[in-house]
PDB file of N, CA and C in Angstrom:
ATOM      1  N   MET A   1      57.082  22.680  51.823  1.00  0.00           N
ATOM      2  CA  MET A   1      57.873  22.353  50.937  1.00  0.00           C
ATOM      3  C   MET A   1      58.124  24.166  50.692  1.00  0.00           C
ATOM      4  N   THR A   2      58.922  24.147  50.221  1.00  0.00           N
ATOM      5  CA  THR A   2      59.643  25.767  49.728  1.00  0.00           C
ATOM      6  C   THR A   2      59.566  25.314  48.154  1.00  0.00           C
ATOM      7  N   LEU A   3      59.722  26.708  47.656  1.00  0.00           N
ATOM      8  CA  LEU A   3      59.732  26.736  46.261  1.00  0.00           C
ATOM      9  C   LEU A   3      60.943  26.541  45.836  1.00  0.00           C
ATOM     10  N   ASP A   4      61.797  26.370  46.314  1.00  0.00           N
ATOM     11  CA  ASP A   4      63.343  25.751  45.820  1.00  0.00           C
ATOM     12  C   ASP A   4      63.214  24.205  45.587  1.00  0.00           C
ATOM     13  N   HIS A   5      63.049  23.494  46.861  1.00  0.00           N
ATOM     14  CA  HIS A   5      62.650  22.064  46.609  1.00  0.00           C
ATOM     15  C   HIS A   5      61.295  22.050  45.716  1.00  0.00           C
ATOM     16  N   ALA A   6      60.377  22.600  45.787  1.00  0.00           N
ATOM     17  CA  ALA A   6      59.520  22.693  44.660  1.00  0.00           C
ATOM     18  C   ALA A   6      60.168  22.463  42.920  1.00  0.00           C
ATOM     19  N   VAL A   7      60.618  23.685  42.516  1.00  0.00           N
ATOM     20  CA  VAL A   7      61.168  23.355  40.927  1.00  0.00           C
ATOM     21  C   VAL A   7      62.145  22.299  41.429  1.00  0.00           C
ATOM     22  N   MET A   8      62.946  21.684  41.994  1.00  0.00           N
ATOM     23  CA  MET A   8      63.976  20.406  41.684  1.00  0.00           C
ATOM     24  C   MET A   8      63.107  19.720  41.661  1.00  0.00           C
ATOM     25  N   MET A   9      61.756  19.191  42.303  1.00  0.00           N
ATOM     26  CA  MET A   9      61.232  18.235  42.226  1.00  0.00           C
ATOM     27  C   MET A   9      60.569  18.199  41.386  1.00  0.00           C
ATOM     28  N   LEU A  10      60.201  19.355  40.783  1.00  0.00           N
ATOM     29  CA  LEU A  10      59.209  19.075  39.350  1.00  0.00           C
ATOM     30  C   LEU A  10      60.389  18.649  38.061  1.00  0.00           C
ATOM     31  N   ALA A  11      61.614  19.703  38.157  1.00  0.00           N
ATOM     32  CA  ALA A  11      62.412  19.494  37.315  1.00  0.00           C
ATOM     33  C   ALA A  11      62.714  17.622  37.190  1.00  0.00           C
ATOM     34  N   GLY A  12      63.233  17.307  38.347  1.00  0.00           N
ATOM     35  CA  GLY A  12      63.483  15.836  38.404  1.00  0.00           C
ATOM     36  C   GLY A  12      62.678  14.783  37.865  1.00  0.00           C
ATOM     37  N   SER A  13      61.091  15.474  38.424  1.00  0.00           N
ATOM     38  CA  SER A  13      60.181  14.217  37.946  1.00  0.00           C
ATOM     39  C   SER A  13      60.186  13.958  36.046  1.00  0.00           C
ATOM     40  N   LEU A  14      59.666  15.593  35.710  1.00  0.00           N
ATOM     41  CA  LEU A  14      60.242  15.627  34.405  1.00  0.00           C
ATOM     42  C   LEU A  14      61.269  14.785  33.355  1.00  0.00           C
ATOM     43  N   VAL A  15      61.979  15.131  33.913  1.00  0.00           N
ATOM     44  CA  VAL A  15      63.499  14.666  33.257  1.00  0.00           C
ATOM     45  C   VAL A  15      63.171  13.100  33.524  1.00  0.00           C
ATOM     46  N   LEU A  16      62.906  12.251  34.697  1.00  0.00           N
ATOM     47  CA  LEU A  16      62.514  10.929  34.928  1.00  0.00           C
ATOM     48  C   LEU A  16      61.472  10.740  33.806  1.00  0.00           C
ATOM     49  N   ILE A  17      60.474  11.571  33.620  1.00  0.00           N
ATOM     50  CA  ILE A  17      59.016  11.034  32.745  1.00  0.00           C
ATOM     51  C   ILE A  17      59.836  11.175  31.567  1.00  0.00           C
ATOM     52  N   GLY A  18      60.643  11.910  30.977  1.00  0.00           N
ATOM     53  CA  GLY A  18      60.789  11.979  29.970  1.00  0.00           C
ATOM     54  C   GLY A  18      61.678  11.207  29.223  1.00  0.00           C
ATOM     55  N   ALA A  19      62.340  10.627  30.106  1.00  0.00           N
ATOM     56  CA  ALA A  19      63.505   9.576  29.827  1.00  0.00           C
ATOM     57  C   ALA A  19      62.705   8.056  29.498  1.00  0.00           C
ATOM     58  N   ALA A  20      61.198   7.690  30.412  1.00  0.00           N
ATOM     59  CA  ALA A  20      60.478   6.513  30.641  1.00  0.00           C
ATOM     60  C   ALA A  20      59.961   6.940  29.175  1.00  0.00           C
ATOM     61  N   LEU A  21      59.408   8.019  28.661  1.00  0.00           N
ATOM     62  CA  LEU A  21      58.429   7.991  27.777  1.00  0.00           C
ATOM     63  C   LEU A  21      59.451   7.757  26.249  1.00  0.00           C
ATOM     64  N   THR A  22      60.890   8.285  26.436  1.00  0.00           N
ATOM     65  CA  THR A  22      61.484   7.799  25.326  1.00  0.00           C
ATOM     66  C   THR A  22      61.846   6.439  25.282  1.00  0.00           C
ATOM     67  N   TRP A  23      61.733   5.951  26.059  1.00  0.00           N
ATOM     68  CA  TRP A  23      62.386   4.401  26.185  1.00  0.00           C
ATOM     69  C   TRP A  23      61.099   3.594  25.579  1.00  0.00           C
ATOM     70  N   TRP A  24      60.331   4.139  26.169  1.00  0.00           N
ATOM     71  CA  TRP A  24      58.565   2.782  25.981  1.00  0.00           C
ATOM     72  C   TRP A  24      58.102   3.670  25.147  1.00  0.00           C
ATOM     73  N   VAL A  25      57.666   5.027  24.424  1.00  0.00           N
ATOM     74  CA  VAL A  25      56.966   5.252  23.159  1.00  0.00           C
ATOM     75  C   VAL A  25      57.457   5.720  22.469  1.00  0.00           C
ATOM     76  N   HIS A  26      58.401   6.813  22.481  1.00  0.00           N
ATOM     77  CA  HIS A  26      58.973   7.114  20.697  1.00  0.00           C
ATOM     78  C   HIS A  26      60.074   7.691  21.405  1.00  0.00           C
ATOM     79  N   PRO A  27      61.168   7.990  20.765  1.00  0.00           N
ATOM     80  CA  PRO A  27      62.301   8.913  20.793  1.00  0.00           C
ATOM     81  C   PRO A  27      62.173   9.997  20.755  1.00  0.00           C
ATOM     82  N   ALA A  28      61.316  10.558  20.167  1.00  0.00           N
ATOM     83  CA  ALA A  28      61.085  12.135  20.101  1.00  0.00           C
ATOM     84  C   ALA A  28      60.468  12.378  21.812  1.00  0.00           C
ATOM     85  N   TRP A  29      60.461  11.643  22.554  1.00  0.00           N
ATOM     86  CA  TRP A  29      59.935  12.495  24.069  1.00  0.00           C
ATOM     87  C   TRP A  29      61.272  12.513  24.535  1.00  0.00           C
ATOM     88  N   MET A  30      62.428  12.418  24.249  1.00  0.00           N
ATOM     89  CA  MET A  30      63.843  12.730  24.655  1.00  0.00           C
ATOM     90  C   MET A  30      63.504  14.374  24.498  1.00  0.00           C
ATOM     91  N   TRP A  31      62.886  14.719  23.623  1.00  0.00           N
ATOM     92  CA  TRP A  31      62.668  16.419  23.494  1.00  0.00           C
ATOM     93  C   TRP A  31      62.520  16.761  25.557  1.00  0.00           C
ATOM     94  N   LEU A  32      61.336  16.123  26.067  1.00  0.00           N
ATOM     95  CA  LEU A  32      61.113  16.746  27.349  1.00  0.00           C
ATOM     96  C   LEU A  32      62.487  17.267  28.133  1.00  0.00           C
ATOM     97  N   PRO A  33      62.960  16.024  28.517  1.00  0.00           N
ATOM     98  CA  PRO A  33      64.625  16.112  29.246  1.00  0.00           C
ATOM     99  C   PRO A  33      65.319  16.741  28.558  1.00  0.00           C
ATOM    100  N   VAL A  34      65.709  17.407  27.601  1.00  0.00           N
ATOM    101  CA  VAL A  34      66.583  18.307  26.907  1.00  0.00           C
ATOM    102  C   VAL A  34      66.480  19.908  27.315  1.00  0.00           C
ATOM    103  N   LEU A  35      64.660  20.303  27.367  1.00  0.00           N
ATOM    104  CA  LEU A  35      63.952  21.193  27.088  1.00  0.00           C
ATOM    105  C   LEU A  35      64.423  21.729  29.045  1.00  0.00           C
ATOM    106  N   VAL A  36      63.807  20.699  29.654  1.00  0.00           N
ATOM    107  CA  VAL A  36      64.275  20.936  31.035  1.00  0.00           C
ATOM    108  C   VAL A  36      65.522  20.909  31.312  1.00  0.00           C
ATOM    109  N   GLY A  37      66.852  20.539  31.128  1.00  0.00           N
ATOM    110  CA  GLY A  37      68.110  20.716  31.264  1.00  0.00           C
ATOM    111  C   GLY A  37      68.326  21.978  30.846  1.00  0.00           C
ATOM    112  N   LEU A  38      68.027  22.543  29.630  1.00  0.00           N
ATOM    113  CA  LEU A  38      67.879  24.060  29.011  1.00  0.00           C
ATOM    114  C   LEU A  38      67.510  24.927  29.769  1.00  0.00           C
ATOM    115  N   ASN A  39      66.448  24.648  30.088  1.00  0.00           N
ATOM    116  CA  ASN A  39      65.830  25.670  31.066  1.00  0.00           C
ATOM    117  C   ASN A  39      66.941  25.995  32.791  1.00  0.00           C
ATOM    118  N   LEU A  40      66.606  24.451  33.365  1.00  0.00           N
ATOM    119  CA  LEU A  40      67.578  24.715  34.244  1.00  0.00           C
ATOM    120  C   LEU A  40      68.822  25.358  34.258  1.00  0.00           C
ATOM    121  N   PHE A  41      69.610  25.251  32.860  1.00  0.00           N
ATOM    122  CA  PHE A  41      70.711  25.965  32.652  1.00  0.00           C
ATOM    123  C   PHE A  41      70.541  27.358  32.565  1.00  0.00           C
ATOM    124  N   GLN A  42      69.524  27.704  32.066  1.00  0.00           N
ATOM    125  CA  GLN A  42      69.518  29.268  31.643  1.00  0.00           C
ATOM    126  C   GLN A  42      68.726  30.015  32.626  1.00  0.00           C
ATOM    127  N   ALA A  43      68.281  29.544  34.097  1.00  0.00           N
ATOM    128  CA  ALA A  43      67.871  29.535  35.046  1.00  0.00           C
ATOM    129  C   ALA A  43      68.808  29.869  35.897  1.00  0.00           C
ATOM    130  N   SER A  44      69.883  29.291  35.931  1.00  0.00           N
ATOM    131  CA  SER A  44      70.955  29.245  36.466  1.00  0.00           C
ATOM    132  C   SER A  44      71.973  30.480  36.587  1.00  0.00           C
ATOM    133  N   ILE A  45      71.942  30.853  35.013  1.00  0.00           N
ATOM    134  CA  ILE A  45      72.573  32.166  34.673  1.00  0.00           C
ATOM    135  C   ILE A  45      71.664  33.455  35.139  1.00  0.00           C
ATOM    136  N   THR A  46      70.483  33.541  34.644  1.00  0.00           N
ATOM    137  CA  THR A  46      69.313  34.154  34.452  1.00  0.00           C
ATOM    138  C   THR A  46      68.945  34.909  35.979  1.00  0.00           C
ATOM    139  N   GLY A  47      68.300  33.479  36.693  1.00  0.00           N
ATOM    140  CA  GLY A  47      67.837  34.150  37.265  1.00  0.00           C
ATOM    141  C   GLY A  47      66.161  33.544  37.474  1.00  0.00           C
ATOM    142  N   PHE A  48      65.862  33.468  36.050  1.00  0.00           N
ATOM    143  CA  PHE A  48      64.602  33.794  35.591  1.00  0.00           C
ATOM    144  C   PHE A  48      64.269  31.942  35.465  1.00  0.00           C
ATOM    145  N   CYS A  49      63.550  31.769  36.236  1.00  0.00           N
ATOM    146  CA  CYS A  49      62.590  29.991  36.035  1.00  0.00           C
ATOM    147  C   CYS A  49      60.933  30.425  36.140  1.00  0.00           C
ATOM    148  N   PRO A  50      60.651  29.803  34.847  1.00  0.00           N
ATOM    149  CA  PRO A  50      58.674  30.304  34.540  1.00  0.00           C
ATOM    150  C   PRO A  50      58.473  29.210  35.047  1.00  0.00           C
ATOM    151  N   ALA A  51      58.633  27.840  35.759  1.00  0.00           N
ATOM    152  CA  ALA A  51      58.153  26.881  36.933  1.00  0.00           C
ATOM    153  C   ALA A  51      58.228  27.536  37.949  1.00  0.00           C
ATOM    154  N   ALA A  52      59.029  28.609  38.443  1.00  0.00           N
ATOM    155  CA  ALA A  52      59.131  29.029  40.032  1.00  0.00           C
ATOM    156  C   ALA A  52      57.842  30.129  39.769  1.00  0.00           C
ATOM    157  N   LEU A  53      57.890  31.163  38.517  1.00  0.00           N
ATOM    158  CA  LEU A  53      56.609  32.185  38.799  1.00  0.00           C
ATOM    159  C   LEU A  53      55.184  31.169  38.351  1.00  0.00           C
ATOM    160  N   LEU A  54      55.559  29.895  37.859  1.00  0.00           N
ATOM    161  CA  LEU A  54      54.074  29.536  38.289  1.00  0.00           C
ATOM    162  C   LEU A  54      53.673  28.636  39.926  1.00  0.00           C
ATOM    163  N   LEU A  55      54.641  27.884  39.935  1.00  0.00           N
ATOM    164  CA  LEU A  55      54.638  27.335  41.571  1.00  0.00           C
ATOM    165  C   LEU A  55      54.289  28.921  42.269  1.00  0.00           C
ATOM    166  N   LYS A  56      55.175  29.694  42.359  1.00  0.00           N
ATOM    167  CA  LYS A  56      54.891  30.877  43.147  1.00  0.00           C
ATOM    168  C   LYS A  56      53.422  31.346  43.091  1.00  0.00           C
ATOM    169  N   ARG A  57      52.952  31.667  42.266  1.00  0.00           N
ATOM    170  CA  ARG A  57      51.195  31.815  42.204  1.00  0.00           C
ATOM    171  C   ARG A  57      50.423  30.761  42.834  1.00  0.00           C
ATOM    172  N   LEU A  58      51.203  29.570  42.786  1.00  0.00           N
ATOM    173  CA  LEU A  58      50.031  28.871  43.050  1.00  0.00           C
ATOM    174  C   LEU A  58      49.875  28.569  45.109  1.00  0.00           C
ATOM    175  N   GLY A  59      50.950  29.830  45.174  1.00  0.00           N
ATOM    176  CA  GLY A  59      50.929  29.462  46.722  1.00  0.00           C
ATOM    177  C   GLY A  59      52.386  28.464  47.455  1.00  0.00           C
ATOM    178  N   VAL A  60      52.934  28.189  46.440  1.00  0.00           N
ATOM    179  CA  VAL A  60      54.035  27.609  47.285  1.00  0.00           C
ATOM    180  C   VAL A  60      54.535  28.633  48.166  1.00  0.00           C
ATOM    181  N   ARG A  61      55.688  28.156  49.034  1.00  0.00           N
ATOM    182  CA  ARG A  61      56.110  29.609  50.253  1.00  0.00           C
ATOM    183  C   ARG A  61      57.504  29.510  49.521  1.00  0.00           C
ATOM    184  N   PRO A  62      58.009  30.993  49.159  1.00  0.00           N
ATOM    185  CA  PRO A  62      59.398  31.235  48.945  1.00  0.00           C
ATOM    186  C   PRO A  62      60.418  29.973  49.444  1.00  0.00           C
ATOM    187  N   GLY A  63      61.561  29.880  48.835  1.00  0.00           N
ATOM    188  CA  GLY A  63      62.916  29.381  49.482  1.00  0.00           C
ATOM    189  C   GLY A  63      64.221  30.315  49.404  1.00  0.00           C
ATOM    190  N   ALA A  64      65.141  29.919  49.314  1.00  0.00           N
ATOM    191  CA  ALA A  64      66.325  31.049  49.700  1.00  0.00           C
ATOM    192  C   ALA A  64      66.580  31.096  48.277  1.00  0.00           C
ATOM    193  N   ALA A  65      66.562  30.362  46.842  1.00  0.00           N
ATOM    194  CA  ALA A  65      66.921  30.463  45.853  1.00  0.00           C
ATOM    195  C   ALA A  65      66.158  31.627  44.675  1.00  0.00           C
ATOM    196  N   PHE A  66      64.611  31.186  44.832  1.00  0.00           N
ATOM    197  CA  PHE A  66      63.675  32.215  43.993  1.00  0.00           C
ATOM    198  C   PHE A  66      62.600  33.191  45.140  1.00  0.00           C
ATOM    199  N   ARG A  67      63.102  34.102  44.774  1.00  0.00           N
ATOM    200  CA  ARG A  67      62.278  35.038  46.031  1.00  0.00           C
ATOM    201  C   ARG A  67      61.149  36.258  44.976  1.00  0.00           C
TER     202      ARG A  67
END
């Protein structure tokens, strides 16, 4: 698995988890998918992604987008 795939998998998982927690636990959990979406937006503009840095330190091999 490359870093690009890992970042997309992490983001998608956090969005789905946040939506489920919003539905079943409390509406305040809506902030989780909102923050993930904002981070994806800023990463597409700036190229800086904190999740990519963390996953890279954990040893996930680089992909095309995050080197």
